[in-house]
Amino acid sequence: MQVKKFHTGYYDANSYLVNGKVLIDTGINTNSLISEIEKIIDIKNIELIILTHCHYDHTASAEIISKKSGADIAIHKADIKLLHHDEGSAAAAFGSKAPSFEPDILLEGGENISISDEEHLEIIHTPGHTPGCICLYEPLSKSLFSGDTIFPQGSIGRTDFIGGSAAQISNSIKKITQLDIKIMYPGHGEPTSDNVNRQIELSYHMAKNIFNII
């Protein structure tokens, strides 16, 4: 699996181009992201944009990139209401309005999205940061795109936004601990391949300790 990370602004989430045809999250700085993508591929090669959740720093550029590339946009169905809500999408925090586009694909979790003859992305519903948060797991390379559910060094996503849930994010992280992961591509910060399973265990213990969950 080939992964190219883009990070085009201080407040931007990471965007990941997978095998030159699937874009995971889009950030805010549309023109900068398009410029970076077009340095390595024709943007029309992008077939699918997958949004890990509804927050503006992950979704703002999706509509324009979709129009330029012809790619469909996918997001979990549980995040649709918040996607179009100024506060629920966190767009208001950036002094902006929530996106108005309608996604082409509504995910439920459990889907397998083919990215090559041998590779696929498993959609894992991981609510807690938002109701429709997802992680994506590629089993051949044992890669996890963790969105804002978990981060390196035992960090976890915030639950104080609209739709956040401490109990749900703890259960979601517990679900992720069942996977064998060699590399994690987080929604913010740098990817890590340093004993990732242990890092995720630390995230789970942190969640339990912070939220007093037995």
N, C-alpha and C. Protein backbone atom coordinates (compact mmCIF):
# COMPACT_ATOMS: atom_id res chain seq x y z
N MET A 1 0.84 -1.19 0.00
CA MET A 1 0.00 0.00 0.00
C MET A 1 0.88 1.25 0.00
N GLN A 2 0.57 2.17 -0.87
CA GLN A 2 1.29 3.43 -0.93
C GLN A 2 0.46 4.53 -0.28
N VAL A 3 1.06 5.24 0.67
CA VAL A 3 0.36 6.29 1.40
C VAL A 3 1.17 7.58 1.33
N LYS A 4 0.53 8.64 0.91
CA LYS A 4 1.14 9.97 0.91
C LYS A 4 0.36 10.86 1.85
N LYS A 5 1.06 11.40 2.84
CA LYS A 5 0.42 12.29 3.82
C LYS A 5 0.54 13.75 3.36
N PHE A 6 -0.55 14.50 3.54
CA PHE A 6 -0.55 15.94 3.29
C PHE A 6 -1.00 16.66 4.56
N HIS A 7 -0.31 17.73 4.86
CA HIS A 7 -0.73 18.59 5.98
C HIS A 7 -0.42 20.02 5.55
N THR A 8 -1.45 20.78 5.21
CA THR A 8 -1.24 22.05 4.51
C THR A 8 -1.49 23.29 5.36
N GLY A 9 -1.79 23.12 6.64
CA GLY A 9 -2.00 24.28 7.49
C GLY A 9 -2.02 23.90 8.95
N TYR A 10 -1.75 24.85 9.81
CA TYR A 10 -1.61 24.59 11.24
C TYR A 10 -2.85 23.93 11.83
N TYR A 11 -4.04 24.39 11.41
CA TYR A 11 -5.28 23.87 11.98
C TYR A 11 -5.85 22.71 11.18
N ASP A 12 -5.19 22.35 10.11
CA ASP A 12 -5.68 21.28 9.25
C ASP A 12 -5.50 19.91 9.87
N ALA A 13 -6.44 19.04 9.58
CA ALA A 13 -6.22 17.62 9.81
C ALA A 13 -5.29 17.08 8.73
N ASN A 14 -4.72 15.93 8.98
CA ASN A 14 -3.94 15.25 7.94
C ASN A 14 -4.88 14.71 6.86
N SER A 15 -4.39 14.74 5.64
CA SER A 15 -5.06 14.06 4.53
C SER A 15 -4.11 12.97 4.04
N TYR A 16 -4.68 11.83 3.66
CA TYR A 16 -3.86 10.71 3.20
C TYR A 16 -4.35 10.24 1.84
N LEU A 17 -3.45 10.22 0.88
CA LEU A 17 -3.74 9.67 -0.45
C LEU A 17 -3.26 8.24 -0.47
N VAL A 18 -4.18 7.31 -0.69
CA VAL A 18 -3.88 5.88 -0.62
C VAL A 18 -3.91 5.27 -2.02
N ASN A 19 -2.78 4.69 -2.42
CA ASN A 19 -2.64 4.06 -3.73
C ASN A 19 -3.05 4.98 -4.88
N GLY A 20 -2.90 6.27 -4.66
CA GLY A 20 -3.15 7.25 -5.71
C GLY A 20 -4.59 7.39 -6.13
N LYS A 21 -5.53 6.81 -5.35
CA LYS A 21 -6.92 6.89 -5.81
C LYS A 21 -7.96 7.08 -4.70
N VAL A 22 -7.58 6.91 -3.45
CA VAL A 22 -8.50 7.14 -2.34
C VAL A 22 -7.91 8.22 -1.45
N LEU A 23 -8.69 9.26 -1.17
CA LEU A 23 -8.25 10.35 -0.31
C LEU A 23 -9.02 10.27 1.00
N ILE A 24 -8.28 10.14 2.10
CA ILE A 24 -8.89 10.09 3.43
C ILE A 24 -8.75 11.46 4.08
N ASP A 25 -9.88 12.14 4.28
CA ASP A 25 -9.97 13.49 4.84
C ASP A 25 -9.35 14.53 3.91
N THR A 26 -9.82 15.79 4.08
CA THR A 26 -9.40 16.81 3.11
C THR A 26 -8.89 18.10 3.72
N GLY A 27 -9.07 18.30 5.01
CA GLY A 27 -8.56 19.54 5.59
C GLY A 27 -9.33 20.77 5.14
N ILE A 28 -8.74 21.92 5.41
CA ILE A 28 -9.39 23.22 5.17
C ILE A 28 -8.79 23.96 3.98
N ASN A 29 -7.49 23.85 3.79
CA ASN A 29 -6.79 24.66 2.79
C ASN A 29 -6.87 24.01 1.40
N THR A 30 -8.00 24.25 0.77
CA THR A 30 -8.34 23.54 -0.47
C THR A 30 -7.30 23.72 -1.55
N ASN A 31 -6.94 24.96 -1.86
CA ASN A 31 -6.01 25.20 -2.96
C ASN A 31 -4.64 24.58 -2.69
N SER A 32 -4.18 24.68 -1.45
CA SER A 32 -2.88 24.09 -1.11
C SER A 32 -2.91 22.58 -1.24
N LEU A 33 -4.00 21.96 -0.80
CA LEU A 33 -4.09 20.51 -0.91
C LEU A 33 -4.15 20.06 -2.36
N ILE A 34 -4.94 20.75 -3.15
CA ILE A 34 -5.02 20.39 -4.58
C ILE A 34 -3.65 20.54 -5.23
N SER A 35 -2.93 21.61 -4.91
CA SER A 35 -1.60 21.83 -5.47
C SER A 35 -0.65 20.69 -5.10
N GLU A 36 -0.70 20.26 -3.83
CA GLU A 36 0.18 19.17 -3.39
C GLU A 36 -0.19 17.85 -4.07
N ILE A 37 -1.47 17.59 -4.19
CA ILE A 37 -1.91 16.36 -4.85
C ILE A 37 -1.45 16.33 -6.30
N GLU A 38 -1.60 17.47 -6.98
CA GLU A 38 -1.30 17.51 -8.41
C GLU A 38 0.20 17.48 -8.70
N LYS A 39 1.01 17.59 -7.66
CA LYS A 39 2.46 17.40 -7.85
C LYS A 39 2.80 15.93 -8.09
N ILE A 40 1.90 15.03 -7.67
CA ILE A 40 2.23 13.61 -7.76
C ILE A 40 1.25 12.80 -8.63
N ILE A 41 0.01 13.27 -8.76
CA ILE A 41 -0.94 12.56 -9.62
C ILE A 41 -1.86 13.57 -10.31
N ASP A 42 -2.55 13.13 -11.34
CA ASP A 42 -3.67 13.87 -11.89
C ASP A 42 -4.82 13.73 -10.91
N ILE A 43 -5.37 14.85 -10.47
CA ILE A 43 -6.40 14.80 -9.43
C ILE A 43 -7.60 13.97 -9.87
N LYS A 44 -7.80 13.82 -11.17
CA LYS A 44 -8.92 13.02 -11.66
C LYS A 44 -8.71 11.53 -11.40
N ASN A 45 -7.50 11.14 -10.94
CA ASN A 45 -7.28 9.75 -10.56
C ASN A 45 -7.96 9.39 -9.25
N ILE A 46 -8.31 10.41 -8.46
CA ILE A 46 -8.97 10.14 -7.18
C ILE A 46 -10.39 9.66 -7.45
N GLU A 47 -10.71 8.49 -6.92
CA GLU A 47 -12.01 7.87 -7.15
C GLU A 47 -12.95 8.03 -5.97
N LEU A 48 -12.38 8.19 -4.77
CA LEU A 48 -13.21 8.21 -3.57
C LEU A 48 -12.57 9.08 -2.50
N ILE A 49 -13.38 9.90 -1.86
CA ILE A 49 -12.97 10.67 -0.69
C ILE A 49 -13.70 10.09 0.51
N ILE A 50 -12.94 9.63 1.50
CA ILE A 50 -13.54 9.07 2.72
C ILE A 50 -13.27 10.03 3.87
N LEU A 51 -14.32 10.46 4.52
CA LEU A 51 -14.20 11.37 5.66
C LEU A 51 -14.31 10.58 6.95
N THR A 52 -13.31 10.71 7.81
CA THR A 52 -13.31 9.93 9.05
C THR A 52 -14.36 10.41 10.03
N HIS A 53 -14.78 11.68 9.91
CA HIS A 53 -15.89 12.20 10.70
C HIS A 53 -16.26 13.58 10.18
N CYS A 54 -17.22 14.21 10.83
CA CYS A 54 -17.86 15.40 10.27
C CYS A 54 -17.17 16.72 10.58
N HIS A 55 -16.12 16.75 11.34
CA HIS A 55 -15.55 18.03 11.76
C HIS A 55 -14.90 18.77 10.60
N TYR A 56 -15.06 20.09 10.65
CA TYR A 56 -14.71 20.97 9.54
C TYR A 56 -13.25 20.86 9.12
N ASP A 57 -12.34 20.64 10.08
CA ASP A 57 -10.93 20.55 9.73
C ASP A 57 -10.61 19.27 8.96
N HIS A 58 -11.58 18.37 8.84
CA HIS A 58 -11.42 17.15 8.06
C HIS A 58 -12.23 17.16 6.77
N THR A 59 -13.22 18.05 6.68
CA THR A 59 -14.21 17.97 5.59
C THR A 59 -14.29 19.17 4.67
N ALA A 60 -13.72 20.31 5.07
CA ALA A 60 -14.03 21.57 4.40
C ALA A 60 -13.72 21.56 2.90
N SER A 61 -12.68 20.87 2.51
CA SER A 61 -12.26 20.89 1.10
C SER A 61 -12.88 19.77 0.27
N ALA A 62 -13.69 18.95 0.89
CA ALA A 62 -14.19 17.75 0.21
C ALA A 62 -15.00 18.07 -1.04
N GLU A 63 -15.89 19.04 -0.94
CA GLU A 63 -16.80 19.31 -2.06
C GLU A 63 -16.04 19.77 -3.30
N ILE A 64 -15.11 20.70 -3.13
CA ILE A 64 -14.38 21.21 -4.30
C ILE A 64 -13.49 20.12 -4.89
N ILE A 65 -12.83 19.35 -4.05
CA ILE A 65 -11.98 18.28 -4.57
C ILE A 65 -12.83 17.22 -5.26
N SER A 66 -14.00 16.95 -4.75
CA SER A 66 -14.91 16.01 -5.40
C SER A 66 -15.31 16.51 -6.78
N LYS A 67 -15.62 17.79 -6.88
CA LYS A 67 -16.03 18.34 -8.17
C LYS A 67 -14.87 18.32 -9.18
N LYS A 68 -13.66 18.61 -8.72
CA LYS A 68 -12.51 18.64 -9.63
C LYS A 68 -12.11 17.23 -10.07
N SER A 69 -12.28 16.27 -9.20
CA SER A 69 -11.80 14.92 -9.49
C SER A 69 -12.88 13.98 -10.02
N GLY A 70 -14.12 14.29 -9.67
CA GLY A 70 -15.21 13.38 -9.98
C GLY A 70 -15.39 12.29 -8.94
N ALA A 71 -14.65 12.38 -7.84
CA ALA A 71 -14.69 11.36 -6.79
C ALA A 71 -15.98 11.45 -5.98
N ASP A 72 -16.48 10.30 -5.56
CA ASP A 72 -17.57 10.26 -4.60
C ASP A 72 -17.05 10.61 -3.21
N ILE A 73 -17.96 11.09 -2.36
CA ILE A 73 -17.64 11.39 -0.97
C ILE A 73 -18.40 10.42 -0.08
N ALA A 74 -17.67 9.80 0.87
CA ALA A 74 -18.26 8.85 1.80
C ALA A 74 -18.06 9.33 3.23
N ILE A 75 -19.09 9.16 4.06
CA ILE A 75 -19.01 9.48 5.48
C ILE A 75 -20.00 8.55 6.19
N HIS A 76 -19.77 8.32 7.48
CA HIS A 76 -20.70 7.47 8.22
C HIS A 76 -22.05 8.19 8.38
N LYS A 77 -23.10 7.42 8.27
CA LYS A 77 -24.46 7.99 8.29
C LYS A 77 -24.78 8.70 9.60
N ALA A 78 -24.13 8.30 10.70
CA ALA A 78 -24.43 8.91 12.00
C ALA A 78 -23.90 10.33 12.13
N ASP A 79 -23.07 10.77 11.19
CA ASP A 79 -22.52 12.13 11.26
C ASP A 79 -23.18 13.11 10.29
N ILE A 80 -24.21 12.68 9.58
CA ILE A 80 -24.83 13.56 8.58
C ILE A 80 -25.41 14.82 9.21
N LYS A 81 -26.17 14.67 10.29
CA LYS A 81 -26.80 15.85 10.90
C LYS A 81 -25.75 16.85 11.37
N LEU A 82 -24.69 16.37 12.00
CA LEU A 82 -23.66 17.28 12.50
C LEU A 82 -22.84 17.88 11.36
N LEU A 83 -22.67 17.14 10.26
CA LEU A 83 -21.93 17.66 9.11
C LEU A 83 -22.51 18.97 8.63
N HIS A 84 -23.82 19.10 8.69
CA HIS A 84 -24.51 20.29 8.16
C HIS A 84 -24.87 21.30 9.25
N HIS A 85 -24.31 21.13 10.44
CA HIS A 85 -24.61 21.98 11.59
C HIS A 85 -23.38 22.83 11.92
N ASP A 86 -23.55 24.14 11.97
CA ASP A 86 -22.40 25.03 12.15
C ASP A 86 -21.60 24.69 13.41
N GLU A 87 -22.28 24.48 14.52
CA GLU A 87 -21.57 24.15 15.76
C GLU A 87 -21.20 22.67 15.81
N GLY A 88 -22.09 21.81 15.39
CA GLY A 88 -21.84 20.38 15.45
C GLY A 88 -20.70 19.92 14.57
N SER A 89 -20.48 20.64 13.47
CA SER A 89 -19.37 20.32 12.57
C SER A 89 -18.08 21.02 12.99
N ALA A 90 -18.17 21.87 14.01
CA ALA A 90 -17.05 22.71 14.47
C ALA A 90 -16.67 23.79 13.47
N ALA A 91 -17.50 23.99 12.43
CA ALA A 91 -17.20 25.05 11.46
C ALA A 91 -17.22 26.42 12.12
N ALA A 92 -18.14 26.62 13.06
CA ALA A 92 -18.24 27.92 13.73
C ALA A 92 -16.96 28.27 14.46
N ALA A 93 -16.26 27.27 14.97
CA ALA A 93 -15.00 27.52 15.67
C ALA A 93 -13.94 28.07 14.74
N PHE A 94 -14.10 27.83 13.43
CA PHE A 94 -13.17 28.33 12.43
C PHE A 94 -13.72 29.58 11.74
N GLY A 95 -14.82 30.13 12.27
CA GLY A 95 -15.43 31.31 11.68
C GLY A 95 -16.08 31.04 10.34
N SER A 96 -16.54 29.81 10.14
CA SER A 96 -17.10 29.41 8.86
C SER A 96 -18.47 28.78 9.03
N LYS A 97 -19.12 28.53 7.91
CA LYS A 97 -20.39 27.83 7.87
C LYS A 97 -20.13 26.35 7.60
N ALA A 98 -21.01 25.51 8.07
CA ALA A 98 -20.89 24.08 7.84
C ALA A 98 -20.99 23.76 6.35
N PRO A 99 -20.34 22.71 5.89
CA PRO A 99 -20.47 22.31 4.48
C PRO A 99 -21.93 22.01 4.15
N SER A 100 -22.28 22.22 2.88
CA SER A 100 -23.66 21.98 2.45
C SER A 100 -23.78 20.78 1.51
N PHE A 101 -22.65 20.18 1.12
CA PHE A 101 -22.72 19.08 0.17
C PHE A 101 -23.41 17.86 0.78
N GLU A 102 -24.00 17.05 -0.08
CA GLU A 102 -24.60 15.79 0.33
C GLU A 102 -23.65 14.66 -0.05
N PRO A 103 -23.23 13.84 0.90
CA PRO A 103 -22.33 12.73 0.56
C PRO A 103 -22.97 11.76 -0.43
N ASP A 104 -22.13 11.12 -1.22
CA ASP A 104 -22.61 10.14 -2.20
C ASP A 104 -22.81 8.78 -1.57
N ILE A 105 -22.03 8.48 -0.53
CA ILE A 105 -22.05 7.16 0.10
C ILE A 105 -22.18 7.34 1.60
N LEU A 106 -23.16 6.67 2.19
CA LEU A 106 -23.34 6.68 3.64
C LEU A 106 -22.86 5.35 4.19
N LEU A 107 -21.84 5.41 5.00
CA LEU A 107 -21.24 4.21 5.57
C LEU A 107 -21.97 3.77 6.84
N GLU A 108 -21.90 2.50 7.13
CA GLU A 108 -22.50 1.97 8.35
C GLU A 108 -21.46 1.31 9.25
N GLY A 109 -20.29 1.02 8.70
CA GLY A 109 -19.29 0.22 9.41
C GLY A 109 -19.40 -1.21 8.95
N GLY A 110 -18.25 -1.84 8.75
CA GLY A 110 -18.22 -3.21 8.28
C GLY A 110 -17.97 -3.33 6.79
N GLU A 111 -18.00 -2.22 6.06
CA GLU A 111 -17.72 -2.27 4.63
C GLU A 111 -16.24 -2.55 4.36
N ASN A 112 -15.96 -3.18 3.24
CA ASN A 112 -14.59 -3.37 2.74
C ASN A 112 -14.47 -2.64 1.42
N ILE A 113 -13.54 -1.69 1.36
CA ILE A 113 -13.36 -0.89 0.15
C ILE A 113 -12.06 -1.31 -0.52
N SER A 114 -12.16 -1.84 -1.71
CA SER A 114 -10.98 -2.32 -2.43
C SER A 114 -10.11 -1.16 -2.86
N ILE A 115 -8.79 -1.30 -2.63
CA ILE A 115 -7.84 -0.26 -3.07
C ILE A 115 -6.77 -0.82 -4.00
N SER A 116 -6.78 -2.13 -4.19
CA SER A 116 -5.91 -2.80 -5.16
C SER A 116 -6.43 -4.23 -5.31
N ASP A 117 -5.77 -5.02 -6.14
CA ASP A 117 -6.21 -6.40 -6.32
C ASP A 117 -6.16 -7.20 -5.02
N GLU A 118 -5.24 -6.85 -4.14
CA GLU A 118 -5.05 -7.62 -2.90
C GLU A 118 -5.39 -6.86 -1.63
N GLU A 119 -5.56 -5.54 -1.72
CA GLU A 119 -5.71 -4.72 -0.53
C GLU A 119 -7.11 -4.12 -0.43
N HIS A 120 -7.56 -3.95 0.79
CA HIS A 120 -8.84 -3.27 1.00
C HIS A 120 -8.81 -2.54 2.34
N LEU A 121 -9.68 -1.56 2.45
CA LEU A 121 -9.84 -0.81 3.69
C LEU A 121 -11.10 -1.28 4.38
N GLU A 122 -10.96 -1.73 5.62
CA GLU A 122 -12.10 -2.12 6.42
C GLU A 122 -12.61 -0.90 7.18
N ILE A 123 -13.89 -0.61 7.04
CA ILE A 123 -14.49 0.52 7.74
C ILE A 123 -14.93 0.07 9.13
N ILE A 124 -14.37 0.71 10.16
CA ILE A 124 -14.69 0.36 11.55
C ILE A 124 -15.37 1.56 12.20
N HIS A 125 -16.60 1.39 12.61
CA HIS A 125 -17.34 2.47 13.27
C HIS A 125 -16.80 2.64 14.68
N THR A 126 -16.25 3.82 14.96
CA THR A 126 -15.63 4.09 16.26
C THR A 126 -16.19 5.38 16.87
N PRO A 127 -17.46 5.38 17.26
CA PRO A 127 -18.06 6.60 17.82
C PRO A 127 -17.41 7.01 19.13
N GLY A 128 -17.60 8.27 19.46
CA GLY A 128 -17.06 8.81 20.71
C GLY A 128 -16.58 10.23 20.55
N HIS A 129 -15.73 10.44 19.56
CA HIS A 129 -15.32 11.81 19.21
C HIS A 129 -16.50 12.51 18.54
N THR A 130 -17.13 11.82 17.61
CA THR A 130 -18.43 12.18 17.05
C THR A 130 -19.23 10.88 16.92
N PRO A 131 -20.54 10.98 16.71
CA PRO A 131 -21.34 9.75 16.60
C PRO A 131 -20.94 8.87 15.42
N GLY A 132 -20.43 9.48 14.35
CA GLY A 132 -20.12 8.72 13.15
C GLY A 132 -18.64 8.58 12.85
N CYS A 133 -17.80 8.73 13.86
CA CYS A 133 -16.37 8.55 13.64
C CYS A 133 -16.07 7.15 13.11
N ILE A 134 -15.11 7.08 12.21
CA ILE A 134 -14.64 5.78 11.73
C ILE A 134 -13.12 5.72 11.76
N CYS A 135 -12.61 4.51 11.86
CA CYS A 135 -11.22 4.20 11.56
C CYS A 135 -11.21 3.29 10.34
N LEU A 136 -10.09 3.23 9.66
CA LEU A 136 -9.96 2.38 8.48
C LEU A 136 -8.74 1.50 8.66
N TYR A 137 -8.91 0.20 8.45
CA TYR A 137 -7.85 -0.77 8.67
C TYR A 137 -7.56 -1.53 7.39
N GLU A 138 -6.27 -1.57 7.02
CA GLU A 138 -5.84 -2.35 5.86
C GLU A 138 -5.08 -3.56 6.39
N PRO A 139 -5.66 -4.77 6.30
CA PRO A 139 -5.09 -5.93 7.00
C PRO A 139 -3.80 -6.47 6.40
N LEU A 140 -3.57 -6.30 5.11
CA LEU A 140 -2.36 -6.85 4.53
C LEU A 140 -1.12 -6.14 5.07
N SER A 141 -1.16 -4.82 5.11
CA SER A 141 -0.04 -4.04 5.63
C SER A 141 -0.19 -3.76 7.13
N LYS A 142 -1.34 -4.14 7.69
CA LYS A 142 -1.65 -3.90 9.11
C LYS A 142 -1.57 -2.42 9.44
N SER A 143 -2.22 -1.63 8.59
CA SER A 143 -2.22 -0.18 8.73
C SER A 143 -3.56 0.31 9.25
N LEU A 144 -3.51 1.30 10.14
CA LEU A 144 -4.73 1.89 10.68
C LEU A 144 -4.74 3.39 10.42
N PHE A 145 -5.81 3.87 9.79
CA PHE A 145 -6.07 5.30 9.68
C PHE A 145 -7.05 5.62 10.80
N SER A 146 -6.57 6.31 11.83
CA SER A 146 -7.31 6.38 13.09
C SER A 146 -8.15 7.64 13.26
N GLY A 147 -8.15 8.54 12.28
CA GLY A 147 -8.94 9.76 12.41
C GLY A 147 -8.62 10.47 13.71
N ASP A 148 -9.68 10.90 14.40
CA ASP A 148 -9.49 11.57 15.70
C ASP A 148 -9.93 10.68 16.86
N THR A 149 -9.96 9.37 16.64
CA THR A 149 -10.31 8.46 17.72
C THR A 149 -9.12 8.22 18.64
N ILE A 150 -7.98 7.91 18.06
CA ILE A 150 -6.76 7.73 18.84
C ILE A 150 -5.58 8.37 18.11
N PHE A 151 -4.57 8.70 18.91
CA PHE A 151 -3.36 9.34 18.40
C PHE A 151 -2.15 8.61 18.98
N PRO A 152 -0.97 8.87 18.44
CA PRO A 152 0.24 8.23 18.98
C PRO A 152 0.48 8.55 20.45
N GLN A 153 1.31 7.70 21.06
CA GLN A 153 1.75 7.88 22.45
C GLN A 153 0.60 7.83 23.45
N GLY A 154 -0.43 7.05 23.13
CA GLY A 154 -1.50 6.85 24.09
C GLY A 154 -2.53 7.95 24.17
N SER A 155 -2.53 8.87 23.23
CA SER A 155 -3.50 9.96 23.26
C SER A 155 -4.84 9.51 22.68
N ILE A 156 -5.89 10.23 23.05
CA ILE A 156 -7.23 9.90 22.59
C ILE A 156 -7.94 11.15 22.09
N GLY A 157 -9.01 10.95 21.32
CA GLY A 157 -9.78 12.07 20.81
C GLY A 157 -10.61 12.74 21.88
N ARG A 158 -10.92 14.00 21.67
CA ARG A 158 -11.76 14.75 22.60
C ARG A 158 -13.20 14.25 22.54
N THR A 159 -13.89 14.39 23.65
CA THR A 159 -15.30 13.98 23.70
C THR A 159 -16.20 15.13 24.13
N ASP A 160 -15.66 16.35 24.17
CA ASP A 160 -16.44 17.49 24.65
C ASP A 160 -17.10 18.28 23.53
N PHE A 161 -17.02 17.78 22.30
CA PHE A 161 -17.76 18.40 21.20
C PHE A 161 -19.19 17.87 21.20
N ILE A 162 -20.06 18.52 20.44
CA ILE A 162 -21.44 18.04 20.29
C ILE A 162 -21.41 16.62 19.74
N GLY A 163 -22.13 15.73 20.39
CA GLY A 163 -22.18 14.34 19.94
C GLY A 163 -21.08 13.46 20.49
N GLY A 164 -20.18 14.03 21.28
CA GLY A 164 -19.10 13.24 21.86
C GLY A 164 -19.59 12.38 23.01
N SER A 165 -18.88 11.29 23.27
CA SER A 165 -19.28 10.38 24.34
C SER A 165 -18.07 9.67 24.90
N ALA A 166 -17.84 9.84 26.20
CA ALA A 166 -16.72 9.17 26.86
C ALA A 166 -16.86 7.66 26.82
N ALA A 167 -18.06 7.17 27.12
CA ALA A 167 -18.28 5.72 27.12
C ALA A 167 -18.07 5.13 25.73
N GLN A 168 -18.57 5.83 24.72
CA GLN A 168 -18.44 5.31 23.36
C GLN A 168 -17.00 5.30 22.89
N ILE A 169 -16.24 6.36 23.17
CA ILE A 169 -14.86 6.37 22.68
C ILE A 169 -14.04 5.30 23.40
N SER A 170 -14.33 5.06 24.65
CA SER A 170 -13.64 3.99 25.37
C SER A 170 -13.93 2.64 24.75
N ASN A 171 -15.19 2.38 24.43
CA ASN A 171 -15.56 1.12 23.78
C ASN A 171 -14.95 1.01 22.38
N SER A 172 -14.88 2.15 21.68
CA SER A 172 -14.29 2.14 20.34
C SER A 172 -12.81 1.81 20.39
N ILE A 173 -12.10 2.40 21.34
CA ILE A 173 -10.67 2.12 21.46
C ILE A 173 -10.45 0.67 21.86
N LYS A 174 -11.31 0.15 22.72
CA LYS A 174 -11.21 -1.26 23.09
C LYS A 174 -11.34 -2.14 21.86
N LYS A 175 -12.24 -1.76 20.94
CA LYS A 175 -12.42 -2.51 19.70
C LYS A 175 -11.13 -2.48 18.87
N ILE A 176 -10.47 -1.33 18.83
CA ILE A 176 -9.25 -1.20 18.03
C ILE A 176 -8.10 -2.02 18.63
N THR A 177 -8.13 -2.22 19.95
CA THR A 177 -7.05 -3.02 20.57
C THR A 177 -7.06 -4.47 20.08
N GLN A 178 -8.14 -4.91 19.47
CA GLN A 178 -8.23 -6.28 18.99
C GLN A 178 -7.52 -6.47 17.65
N LEU A 179 -7.09 -5.40 17.03
CA LEU A 179 -6.42 -5.47 15.74
C LEU A 179 -4.91 -5.59 15.91
N ASP A 180 -4.26 -6.19 14.93
CA ASP A 180 -2.80 -6.22 14.88
C ASP A 180 -2.35 -5.09 13.96
N ILE A 181 -1.70 -4.08 14.53
CA ILE A 181 -1.39 -2.86 13.78
C ILE A 181 0.11 -2.61 13.80
N LYS A 182 0.65 -2.40 12.61
CA LYS A 182 2.08 -2.09 12.49
C LYS A 182 2.34 -0.61 12.30
N ILE A 183 1.39 0.10 11.68
CA ILE A 183 1.57 1.54 11.47
C ILE A 183 0.24 2.23 11.62
N MET A 184 0.26 3.35 12.31
CA MET A 184 -0.94 4.15 12.53
C MET A 184 -0.78 5.51 11.86
N TYR A 185 -1.80 5.88 11.09
CA TYR A 185 -1.85 7.17 10.43
C TYR A 185 -2.95 7.99 11.11
N PRO A 186 -2.58 8.89 12.04
CA PRO A 186 -3.59 9.62 12.81
C PRO A 186 -4.14 10.83 12.06
N GLY A 187 -5.26 11.34 12.56
CA GLY A 187 -5.86 12.52 11.96
C GLY A 187 -5.06 13.78 12.18
N HIS A 188 -4.23 13.80 13.21
CA HIS A 188 -3.34 14.92 13.50
C HIS A 188 -2.01 14.34 13.99
N GLY A 189 -0.93 15.03 13.72
CA GLY A 189 0.37 14.54 14.15
C GLY A 189 0.99 13.60 13.14
N GLU A 190 2.09 12.99 13.53
CA GLU A 190 2.85 12.16 12.61
C GLU A 190 2.46 10.68 12.71
N PRO A 191 2.50 9.98 11.59
CA PRO A 191 2.30 8.52 11.63
C PRO A 191 3.36 7.86 12.51
N THR A 192 3.02 6.70 13.04
CA THR A 192 3.95 5.99 13.91
C THR A 192 3.95 4.50 13.61
N SER A 193 5.14 3.89 13.69
CA SER A 193 5.26 2.44 13.53
C SER A 193 6.01 1.85 14.72
N ASP A 194 6.09 2.58 15.81
CA ASP A 194 6.84 2.18 16.99
C ASP A 194 5.92 1.44 17.97
N ASN A 195 5.92 0.10 17.88
CA ASN A 195 5.13 -0.72 18.81
C ASN A 195 3.71 -0.17 18.94
N VAL A 196 3.02 -0.11 17.79
CA VAL A 196 1.72 0.57 17.74
C VAL A 196 0.68 -0.11 18.62
N ASN A 197 0.68 -1.43 18.67
CA ASN A 197 -0.29 -2.11 19.52
C ASN A 197 -0.18 -1.65 20.97
N ARG A 198 1.05 -1.47 21.43
CA ARG A 198 1.27 -0.99 22.79
C ARG A 198 0.75 0.44 22.95
N GLN A 199 0.98 1.28 21.96
CA GLN A 199 0.48 2.66 22.02
C GLN A 199 -1.04 2.68 22.13
N ILE A 200 -1.70 1.78 21.40
CA ILE A 200 -3.16 1.74 21.43
C ILE A 200 -3.66 1.22 22.77
N GLU A 201 -2.94 0.26 23.34
CA GLU A 201 -3.28 -0.19 24.69
C GLU A 201 -3.19 0.96 25.68
N LEU A 202 -2.18 1.80 25.52
CA LEU A 202 -2.05 2.96 26.40
C LEU A 202 -3.23 3.92 26.22
N SER A 203 -3.68 4.08 24.98
CA SER A 203 -4.85 4.92 24.73
C SER A 203 -6.07 4.38 25.46
N TYR A 204 -6.23 3.06 25.42
CA TYR A 204 -7.38 2.46 26.09
C TYR A 204 -7.31 2.65 27.60
N HIS A 205 -6.13 2.46 28.17
CA HIS A 205 -5.97 2.66 29.61
C HIS A 205 -6.18 4.12 29.99
N MET A 206 -5.73 5.04 29.12
CA MET A 206 -5.94 6.45 29.40
C MET A 206 -7.43 6.78 29.39
N ALA A 207 -8.14 6.25 28.41
CA ALA A 207 -9.57 6.50 28.33
C ALA A 207 -10.29 6.00 29.58
N LYS A 208 -9.94 4.81 29.99
CA LYS A 208 -10.59 4.25 31.19
C LYS A 208 -10.29 5.08 32.43
N ASN A 209 -9.04 5.54 32.53
CA ASN A 209 -8.65 6.32 33.71
C ASN A 209 -9.30 7.71 33.71
N ILE A 210 -9.32 8.35 32.55
CA ILE A 210 -9.88 9.71 32.47
C ILE A 210 -11.37 9.67 32.75
N PHE A 211 -12.04 8.67 32.17
CA PHE A 211 -13.51 8.65 32.26
C PHE A 211 -14.03 7.72 33.35
N ASN A 212 -13.10 7.15 34.14
CA ASN A 212 -13.48 6.28 35.27
C ASN A 212 -14.38 5.14 34.82
N ILE A 213 -13.98 4.50 33.73
CA ILE A 213 -14.75 3.40 33.20
C ILE A 213 -14.09 2.09 33.63
N ILE A 214 -14.86 1.20 34.19
CA ILE A 214 -14.35 -0.08 34.67
C ILE A 214 -14.28 -1.07 33.51
